[in-house]
Amino acid sequence: MAVGGGLGGWTWTELTDQLPGRVVTLLVPIGSTEQHGPHLPLDTDTRIAQALASAAADRLAGAGAGCDWTVAPAIAYGASGEHQSFAGTISIGIEALIHLLVEYGRSACCWAQRVLFVNGHGGNVPALIEAVHRLRGEGREVAWLPCAASDSDAHAGHTETSLLLHLSPGVVRLGQARPGNSAPLAQLLPAMRSGGVGAVSALGVLGDPTTASAEDGRRIFTEMVDAGVVAIADWSIGANGMLR
């Protein structure tokens, strides 16, 4: 079963009564507060991670006796230094994020048997790998899962815009969407490493959001959830701490 309503809605006494004898997996959405072009909100990555974690927990509910999945309030700040030249971006950096995730995992594992960080922002990956490595080295059952889809573009383009048209259509300023830099990410990385996203796209967009649709967003999100549910159910962890 899933612990309904998400972790934030429970009292400690309700959890104490509900959880003894059960295996608890806490799903923790990890996002960012950063620019996503002129058409998507700053919390785009957090919204996607929260939606994936919630949908996966719902799908997993009832899948096995004695098991619980519950979703924690999202961590809405990450390592977003590549977007720092754009207003609204708030980045805590890789080192601070590592420390946050390590302390989070240590605390949560005092009562949850497993912790899964569900990551919506690529810039968080180095911190997740290091934090999960430390936590697992301490004997804690912790892993991470990306919000990944096949054939996705890099940032604020077709993929993310389609996802938000499906998940949160009211926040998408589709009339403000403009094509950004659609060159392959590998080609853009040298300039981005030295000058951030602003060095390759004045709009902050990598891809073409004008082709996005809610129908594509539903398809992409369904793919994410299907893959996530399988990975969580299998709980097979790679060398980088990611479920595979």
C-alpha atoms as a PDB file:
ATOM      1  CA  MET A   1       0.000   0.000   0.000  1.00  0.00           C
ATOM      2  CA  ALA A   2       1.020   3.607  -0.328  1.00  0.00           C
ATOM      3  CA  VAL A   3       1.085   5.876   2.669  1.00  0.00           C
ATOM      4  CA  GLY A   4      -1.662   8.157   1.413  1.00  0.00           C
ATOM      5  CA  GLY A   5      -1.413  11.901   0.978  1.00  0.00           C
ATOM      6  CA  GLY A   6       2.367  12.047   1.023  1.00  0.00           C
ATOM      7  CA  LEU A   7       4.669  12.284   4.019  1.00  0.00           C
ATOM      8  CA  GLY A   8       3.931  15.947   4.734  1.00  0.00           C
ATOM      9  CA  GLY A   9       0.288  15.219   5.543  1.00  0.00           C
ATOM     10  CA  TRP A  10       0.949  12.654   8.261  1.00  0.00           C
ATOM     11  CA  THR A  11       1.539  13.114  11.975  1.00  0.00           C
ATOM     12  CA  TRP A  12       4.340  11.220  13.664  1.00  0.00           C
ATOM     13  CA  THR A  13       1.844   9.216  15.731  1.00  0.00           C
ATOM     14  CA  GLU A  14      -0.059   8.150  12.627  1.00  0.00           C
ATOM     15  CA  LEU A  15       3.190   6.943  11.093  1.00  0.00           C
ATOM     16  CA  THR A  16       4.120   5.148  14.300  1.00  0.00           C
ATOM     17  CA  ASP A  17       0.803   3.288  14.242  1.00  0.00           C
ATOM     18  CA  GLN A  18       0.915   2.583  10.502  1.00  0.00           C
ATOM     19  CA  LEU A  19       4.461   1.505   9.758  1.00  0.00           C
ATOM     20  CA  PRO A  20       5.726  -1.118  12.238  1.00  0.00           C
ATOM     21  CA  GLY A  21       6.481  -4.411  10.516  1.00  0.00           C
ATOM     22  CA  ARG A  22       6.288  -2.876   7.041  1.00  0.00           C
ATOM     23  CA  VAL A  23       9.056  -2.088   4.535  1.00  0.00           C
ATOM     24  CA  VAL A  24       8.917   1.626   3.842  1.00  0.00           C
ATOM     25  CA  THR A  25      10.415   3.228   0.735  1.00  0.00           C
ATOM     26  CA  LEU A  26      10.492   7.015   0.902  1.00  0.00           C
ATOM     27  CA  LEU A  27      10.451   8.657  -2.540  1.00  0.00           C
ATOM     28  CA  VAL A  28      12.092  12.098  -2.390  1.00  0.00           C
ATOM     29  CA  PRO A  29      11.616  14.391  -5.421  1.00  0.00           C
ATOM     30  CA  ILE A  30      14.736  16.461  -6.152  1.00  0.00           C
ATOM     31  CA  GLY A  31      14.328  19.403  -8.494  1.00  0.00           C
ATOM     32  CA  SER A  32      15.695  22.881  -8.979  1.00  0.00           C
ATOM     33  CA  THR A  33      14.745  26.540  -9.043  1.00  0.00           C
ATOM     34  CA  GLU A  34      16.158  27.780 -12.318  1.00  0.00           C
ATOM     35  CA  GLN A  35      15.218  29.472 -15.550  1.00  0.00           C
ATOM     36  CA  HIS A  36      13.366  27.445 -18.140  1.00  0.00           C
ATOM     37  CA  GLY A  37      13.109  29.979 -20.930  1.00  0.00           C
ATOM     38  CA  PRO A  38      10.439  32.666 -21.223  1.00  0.00           C
ATOM     39  CA  HIS A  39       7.582  30.137 -21.272  1.00  0.00           C
ATOM     40  CA  LEU A  40       8.121  27.662 -18.406  1.00  0.00           C
ATOM     41  CA  PRO A  41       8.184  28.332 -14.648  1.00  0.00           C
ATOM     42  CA  LEU A  42      11.287  28.226 -12.470  1.00  0.00           C
ATOM     43  CA  ASP A  43      10.057  25.097 -10.687  1.00  0.00           C
ATOM     44  CA  THR A  44       9.696  23.005 -13.857  1.00  0.00           C
ATOM     45  CA  ASP A  45      12.177  20.314 -12.774  1.00  0.00           C
ATOM     46  CA  THR A  46      10.610  20.074  -9.323  1.00  0.00           C
ATOM     47  CA  ARG A  47       7.119  19.668 -10.789  1.00  0.00           C
ATOM     48  CA  ILE A  48       8.262  16.823 -13.015  1.00  0.00           C
ATOM     49  CA  ALA A  49      10.110  15.015 -10.217  1.00  0.00           C
ATOM     50  CA  GLN A  50       7.147  15.414  -7.863  1.00  0.00           C
ATOM     51  CA  ALA A  51       4.718  14.102 -10.477  1.00  0.00           C
ATOM     52  CA  LEU A  52       6.878  11.078 -11.275  1.00  0.00           C
ATOM     53  CA  ALA A  53       7.388  10.191  -7.612  1.00  0.00           C
ATOM     54  CA  SER A  54       3.659  10.492  -6.884  1.00  0.00           C
ATOM     55  CA  ALA A  55       2.578   8.511  -9.942  1.00  0.00           C
ATOM     56  CA  ALA A  56       5.106   5.758  -9.235  1.00  0.00           C
ATOM     57  CA  ALA A  57       4.003   5.498  -5.605  1.00  0.00           C
ATOM     58  CA  ASP A  58       0.372   5.245  -6.696  1.00  0.00           C
ATOM     59  CA  ARG A  59       1.191   2.512  -9.213  1.00  0.00           C
ATOM     60  CA  LEU A  60       3.219   0.563  -6.676  1.00  0.00           C
ATOM     61  CA  ALA A  61       0.497   0.723  -4.028  1.00  0.00           C
ATOM     62  CA  GLY A  62      -0.788  -2.725  -3.253  1.00  0.00           C
ATOM     63  CA  ALA A  63       1.905  -4.400  -5.350  1.00  0.00           C
ATOM     64  CA  GLY A  64       3.274  -6.394  -2.431  1.00  0.00           C
ATOM     65  CA  ALA A  65       2.110  -7.263   1.076  1.00  0.00           C
ATOM     66  CA  GLY A  66       4.025  -5.526   3.832  1.00  0.00           C
ATOM     67  CA  CYS A  67       5.385  -2.800   1.550  1.00  0.00           C
ATOM     68  CA  ASP A  68       4.733   0.929   1.610  1.00  0.00           C
ATOM     69  CA  TRP A  69       5.742   3.757  -0.709  1.00  0.00           C
ATOM     70  CA  THR A  70       5.347   7.344   0.406  1.00  0.00           C
ATOM     71  CA  VAL A  71       6.361  10.614  -1.230  1.00  0.00           C
ATOM     72  CA  ALA A  72       8.237  13.273   0.725  1.00  0.00           C
ATOM     73  CA  PRO A  73       7.901  17.024   0.161  1.00  0.00           C
ATOM     74  CA  ALA A  74      10.189  17.960  -2.711  1.00  0.00           C
ATOM     75  CA  ILE A  75      13.674  19.381  -2.353  1.00  0.00           C
ATOM     76  CA  ALA A  76      13.273  22.347  -4.690  1.00  0.00           C
ATOM     77  CA  TYR A  77      16.869  23.612  -4.859  1.00  0.00           C
ATOM     78  CA  GLY A  78      19.798  21.970  -6.582  1.00  0.00           C
ATOM     79  CA  ALA A  79      23.049  22.552  -8.428  1.00  0.00           C
ATOM     80  CA  SER A  80      22.057  24.986 -11.174  1.00  0.00           C
ATOM     81  CA  GLY A  81      25.171  27.076 -11.648  1.00  0.00           C
ATOM     82  CA  GLU A  82      24.964  26.772 -15.424  1.00  0.00           C
ATOM     83  CA  HIS A  83      21.795  28.902 -15.292  1.00  0.00           C
ATOM     84  CA  GLN A  84      23.084  31.534 -12.868  1.00  0.00           C
ATOM     85  CA  SER A  85      23.218  34.302 -15.486  1.00  0.00           C
ATOM     86  CA  PHE A  86      19.387  34.218 -15.690  1.00  0.00           C
ATOM     87  CA  ALA A  87      17.144  35.954 -13.171  1.00  0.00           C
ATOM     88  CA  GLY A  88      15.270  33.685 -10.788  1.00  0.00           C
ATOM     89  CA  THR A  89      17.871  30.932 -10.660  1.00  0.00           C
ATOM     90  CA  ILE A  90      18.813  29.871  -7.135  1.00  0.00           C
ATOM     91  CA  SER A  91      21.633  27.337  -7.012  1.00  0.00           C
ATOM     92  CA  ILE A  92      23.049  25.829  -3.825  1.00  0.00           C
ATOM     93  CA  GLY A  93      25.929  24.148  -5.672  1.00  0.00           C
ATOM     94  CA  ILE A  94      27.198  20.582  -5.771  1.00  0.00           C
ATOM     95  CA  GLU A  95      28.969  20.482  -2.390  1.00  0.00           C
ATOM     96  CA  ALA A  96      26.023  21.908  -0.466  1.00  0.00           C
ATOM     97  CA  LEU A  97      23.663  19.518  -2.242  1.00  0.00           C
ATOM     98  CA  ILE A  98      25.875  16.560  -1.352  1.00  0.00           C
ATOM     99  CA  HIS A  99      25.787  17.513   2.329  1.00  0.00           C
ATOM    100  CA  LEU A 100      22.027  18.095   2.215  1.00  0.00           C
ATOM    101  CA  LEU A 101      21.328  14.705   0.633  1.00  0.00           C
ATOM    102  CA  VAL A 102      23.672  12.854   2.978  1.00  0.00           C
ATOM    103  CA  GLU A 103      22.105  14.360   6.095  1.00  0.00           C
ATOM    104  CA  TYR A 104      18.626  13.843   4.642  1.00  0.00           C
ATOM    105  CA  GLY A 105      19.348  10.174   3.989  1.00  0.00           C
ATOM    106  CA  ARG A 106      20.842   9.614   7.435  1.00  0.00           C
ATOM    107  CA  SER A 107      17.781  11.111   9.099  1.00  0.00           C
ATOM    108  CA  ALA A 108      15.142   9.439   6.911  1.00  0.00           C
ATOM    109  CA  CYS A 109      16.770   6.031   7.275  1.00  0.00           C
ATOM    110  CA  CYS A 110      16.141   6.175  11.020  1.00  0.00           C
ATOM    111  CA  TRP A 111      12.553   5.114  10.267  1.00  0.00           C
ATOM    112  CA  ALA A 112      12.334   4.316   6.534  1.00  0.00           C
ATOM    113  CA  GLN A 113      13.995   1.133   5.310  1.00  0.00           C
ATOM    114  CA  ARG A 114      14.774   2.577   1.867  1.00  0.00           C
ATOM    115  CA  VAL A 115      15.164   6.081   0.444  1.00  0.00           C
ATOM    116  CA  LEU A 116      14.904   6.848  -3.256  1.00  0.00           C
ATOM    117  CA  PHE A 117      15.840  10.268  -4.613  1.00  0.00           C
ATOM    118  CA  VAL A 118      13.777  10.979  -7.755  1.00  0.00           C
ATOM    119  CA  ASN A 119      15.806  13.498  -9.731  1.00  0.00           C
ATOM    120  CA  GLY A 120      14.399  16.041 -12.172  1.00  0.00           C
ATOM    121  CA  HIS A 121      17.538  18.112 -12.895  1.00  0.00           C
ATOM    122  CA  GLY A 122      20.657  16.898 -14.693  1.00  0.00           C
ATOM    123  CA  GLY A 123      22.946  19.269 -12.794  1.00  0.00           C
ATOM    124  CA  ASN A 124      22.156  17.361  -9.586  1.00  0.00           C
ATOM    125  CA  VAL A 125      23.623  14.082 -10.844  1.00  0.00           C
ATOM    126  CA  PRO A 126      27.222  14.492  -9.560  1.00  0.00           C
ATOM    127  CA  ALA A 127      25.893  15.318  -6.086  1.00  0.00           C
ATOM    128  CA  LEU A 128      23.479  12.380  -6.146  1.00  0.00           C
ATOM    129  CA  ILE A 129      26.199   9.924  -7.148  1.00  0.00           C
ATOM    130  CA  GLU A 130      28.491  11.087  -4.350  1.00  0.00           C
ATOM    131  CA  ALA A 131      25.788  11.354  -1.672  1.00  0.00           C
ATOM    132  CA  VAL A 132      24.310   7.941  -2.437  1.00  0.00           C
ATOM    133  CA  HIS A 133      27.812   6.432  -2.480  1.00  0.00           C
ATOM    134  CA  ARG A 134      28.469   7.790   1.020  1.00  0.00           C
ATOM    135  CA  LEU A 135      25.110   6.697   2.365  1.00  0.00           C
ATOM    136  CA  ARG A 136      25.396   3.193   0.956  1.00  0.00           C
ATOM    137  CA  GLY A 137      28.928   3.002   2.356  1.00  0.00           C
ATOM    138  CA  GLU A 138      27.383   3.640   5.766  1.00  0.00           C
ATOM    139  CA  GLY A 139      25.035   0.684   5.290  1.00  0.00           C
ATOM    140  CA  ARG A 140      21.914   2.632   4.332  1.00  0.00           C
ATOM    141  CA  GLU A 141      19.618   1.390   1.561  1.00  0.00           C
ATOM    142  CA  VAL A 142      19.545   4.494  -0.650  1.00  0.00           C
ATOM    143  CA  ALA A 143      19.406   4.942  -4.435  1.00  0.00           C
ATOM    144  CA  TRP A 144      18.370   7.494  -7.038  1.00  0.00           C
ATOM    145  CA  LEU A 145      16.179   7.481 -10.132  1.00  0.00           C
ATOM    146  CA  PRO A 146      16.286   9.958 -13.048  1.00  0.00           C
ATOM    147  CA  CYS A 147      13.255  11.520 -14.703  1.00  0.00           C
ATOM    148  CA  ALA A 148      14.424  10.181 -18.045  1.00  0.00           C
ATOM    149  CA  ALA A 149      12.764   9.764 -21.430  1.00  0.00           C
ATOM    150  CA  SER A 150      14.115   8.518 -24.742  1.00  0.00           C
ATOM    151  CA  ASP A 151      14.971  11.028 -27.478  1.00  0.00           C
ATOM    152  CA  SER A 152      14.519  14.029 -25.176  1.00  0.00           C
ATOM    153  CA  ASP A 153      16.034  17.431 -25.866  1.00  0.00           C
ATOM    154  CA  ALA A 154      18.213  19.198 -23.343  1.00  0.00           C
ATOM    155  CA  HIS A 155      16.409  22.069 -21.601  1.00  0.00           C
ATOM    156  CA  ALA A 156      13.054  23.861 -21.835  1.00  0.00           C
ATOM    157  CA  GLY A 157      12.480  22.476 -25.319  1.00  0.00           C
ATOM    158  CA  HIS A 158       9.969  20.026 -26.738  1.00  0.00           C
ATOM    159  CA  THR A 159      10.282  17.447 -23.942  1.00  0.00           C
ATOM    160  CA  GLU A 160       9.883  19.602 -20.836  1.00  0.00           C
ATOM    161  CA  THR A 161       7.291  21.854 -22.457  1.00  0.00           C
ATOM    162  CA  SER A 162       5.211  18.830 -23.500  1.00  0.00           C
ATOM    163  CA  LEU A 163       5.482  17.373 -19.996  1.00  0.00           C
ATOM    164  CA  LEU A 164       4.194  20.559 -18.396  1.00  0.00           C
ATOM    165  CA  LEU A 165       1.414  20.903 -20.964  1.00  0.00           C
ATOM    166  CA  HIS A 166       0.304  17.493 -19.714  1.00  0.00           C
ATOM    167  CA  LEU A 167       1.016  17.933 -15.978  1.00  0.00           C
ATOM    168  CA  SER A 168       0.431  21.659 -15.343  1.00  0.00           C
ATOM    169  CA  PRO A 169      -0.984  23.279 -18.495  1.00  0.00           C
ATOM    170  CA  GLY A 170      -2.013  26.434 -16.663  1.00  0.00           C
ATOM    171  CA  VAL A 171       1.591  27.453 -15.946  1.00  0.00           C
ATOM    172  CA  VAL A 172       2.878  27.195 -19.539  1.00  0.00           C
ATOM    173  CA  ARG A 173       3.144  30.533 -21.371  1.00  0.00           C
ATOM    174  CA  LEU A 174       2.997  28.874 -24.760  1.00  0.00           C
ATOM    175  CA  GLY A 175       2.635  32.207 -26.544  1.00  0.00           C
ATOM    176  CA  GLN A 176       6.096  33.152 -25.233  1.00  0.00           C
ATOM    177  CA  ALA A 177       7.769  29.948 -26.463  1.00  0.00           C
ATOM    178  CA  ARG A 178      10.554  30.422 -28.995  1.00  0.00           C
ATOM    179  CA  PRO A 179      12.998  27.917 -30.519  1.00  0.00           C
ATOM    180  CA  GLY A 180      16.374  27.847 -28.809  1.00  0.00           C
ATOM    181  CA  ASN A 181      19.696  26.259 -29.673  1.00  0.00           C
ATOM    182  CA  SER A 182      18.981  22.777 -31.030  1.00  0.00           C
ATOM    183  CA  ALA A 183      22.577  21.677 -31.582  1.00  0.00           C
ATOM    184  CA  PRO A 184      23.554  18.355 -29.953  1.00  0.00           C
ATOM    185  CA  LEU A 185      24.369  18.766 -26.274  1.00  0.00           C
ATOM    186  CA  ALA A 186      27.830  17.283 -26.742  1.00  0.00           C
ATOM    187  CA  GLN A 187      28.598  20.077 -29.194  1.00  0.00           C
ATOM    188  CA  LEU A 188      27.398  22.745 -26.747  1.00  0.00           C
ATOM    189  CA  LEU A 189      29.103  21.465 -23.601  1.00  0.00           C
ATOM    190  CA  PRO A 190      32.529  23.136 -24.046  1.00  0.00           C
ATOM    191  CA  ALA A 191      30.953  26.602 -24.264  1.00  0.00           C
ATOM    192  CA  MET A 192      28.482  25.782 -21.474  1.00  0.00           C
ATOM    193  CA  ARG A 193      31.239  24.682 -19.127  1.00  0.00           C
ATOM    194  CA  SER A 194      32.905  28.061 -19.397  1.00  0.00           C
ATOM    195  CA  GLY A 195      29.911  30.357 -19.818  1.00  0.00           C
ATOM    196  CA  GLY A 196      26.805  28.423 -18.792  1.00  0.00           C
ATOM    197  CA  VAL A 197      23.610  28.038 -20.784  1.00  0.00           C
ATOM    198  CA  GLY A 198      23.602  31.758 -21.549  1.00  0.00           C
ATOM    199  CA  ALA A 199      26.730  31.289 -23.660  1.00  0.00           C
ATOM    200  CA  VAL A 200      24.828  29.113 -26.124  1.00  0.00           C
ATOM    201  CA  SER A 201      21.251  30.417 -25.840  1.00  0.00           C
ATOM    202  CA  ALA A 202      20.194  33.943 -24.924  1.00  0.00           C
ATOM    203  CA  LEU A 203      16.672  32.596 -24.333  1.00  0.00           C
ATOM    204  CA  GLY A 204      17.857  29.851 -21.998  1.00  0.00           C
ATOM    205  CA  VAL A 205      16.265  27.233 -24.268  1.00  0.00           C
ATOM    206  CA  LEU A 206      18.007  24.170 -25.722  1.00  0.00           C
ATOM    207  CA  GLY A 207      15.551  22.646 -28.158  1.00  0.00           C
ATOM    208  CA  ASP A 208      12.279  23.739 -29.733  1.00  0.00           C
ATOM    209  CA  PRO A 209       9.297  24.199 -27.397  1.00  0.00           C
ATOM    210  CA  THR A 210       7.038  25.359 -30.233  1.00  0.00           C
ATOM    211  CA  THR A 211       6.516  21.743 -31.322  1.00  0.00           C
ATOM    212  CA  ALA A 212       5.339  20.637 -27.856  1.00  0.00           C
ATOM    213  CA  SER A 213       1.915  19.156 -27.153  1.00  0.00           C
ATOM    214  CA  ALA A 214       0.008  17.780 -24.177  1.00  0.00           C
ATOM    215  CA  GLU A 215      -0.447  14.517 -26.077  1.00  0.00           C
ATOM    216  CA  ASP A 216       3.322  14.126 -26.387  1.00  0.00           C
ATOM    217  CA  GLY A 217       3.651  15.060 -22.726  1.00  0.00           C
ATOM    218  CA  ARG A 218       1.262  12.292 -21.717  1.00  0.00           C
ATOM    219  CA  ARG A 219       3.213   9.782 -23.793  1.00  0.00           C
ATOM    220  CA  ILE A 220       6.570  10.907 -22.378  1.00  0.00           C
ATOM    221  CA  PHE A 221       5.273  10.903 -18.811  1.00  0.00           C
ATOM    222  CA  THR A 222       3.755   7.448 -19.208  1.00  0.00           C
ATOM    223  CA  GLU A 223       7.132   6.202 -20.443  1.00  0.00           C
ATOM    224  CA  MET A 224       8.835   7.738 -17.402  1.00  0.00           C
ATOM    225  CA  VAL A 225       6.363   6.196 -14.971  1.00  0.00           C
ATOM    226  CA  ASP A 226       6.457   2.755 -16.610  1.00  0.00           C
ATOM    227  CA  ALA A 227      10.257   2.659 -16.494  1.00  0.00           C
ATOM    228  CA  GLY A 228      10.363   4.062 -12.970  1.00  0.00           C
ATOM    229  CA  VAL A 229       7.911   1.527 -11.569  1.00  0.00           C
ATOM    230  CA  VAL A 230       9.883  -1.367 -13.054  1.00  0.00           C
ATOM    231  CA  ALA A 231      13.164   0.002 -11.689  1.00  0.00           C
ATOM    232  CA  ILE A 232      11.751   0.567  -8.207  1.00  0.00           C
ATOM    233  CA  ALA A 233      10.120  -2.858  -8.072  1.00  0.00           C
ATOM    234  CA  ASP A 234      13.360  -4.552  -9.174  1.00  0.00           C
ATOM    235  CA  TRP A 235      15.537  -2.370  -6.887  1.00  0.00           C
ATOM    236  CA  SER A 236      18.726  -3.193  -8.770  1.00  0.00           C
ATOM    237  CA  ILE A 237      21.388  -0.557  -8.109  1.00  0.00           C
ATOM    238  CA  GLY A 238      24.244   0.303 -10.447  1.00  0.00           C
ATOM    239  CA  ALA A 239      27.764   1.364  -9.500  1.00  0.00           C
ATOM    240  CA  ASN A 240      26.687   5.035  -9.607  1.00  0.00           C
ATOM    241  CA  GLY A 241      23.864   4.422  -7.136  1.00  0.00           C
ATOM    242  CA  MET A 242      21.138   4.737  -9.785  1.00  0.00           C
ATOM    243  CA  LEU A 243      18.322   2.210 -10.125  1.00  0.00           C
ATOM    244  CA  ARG A 244      18.576   0.412 -13.463  1.00  0.00           C
END
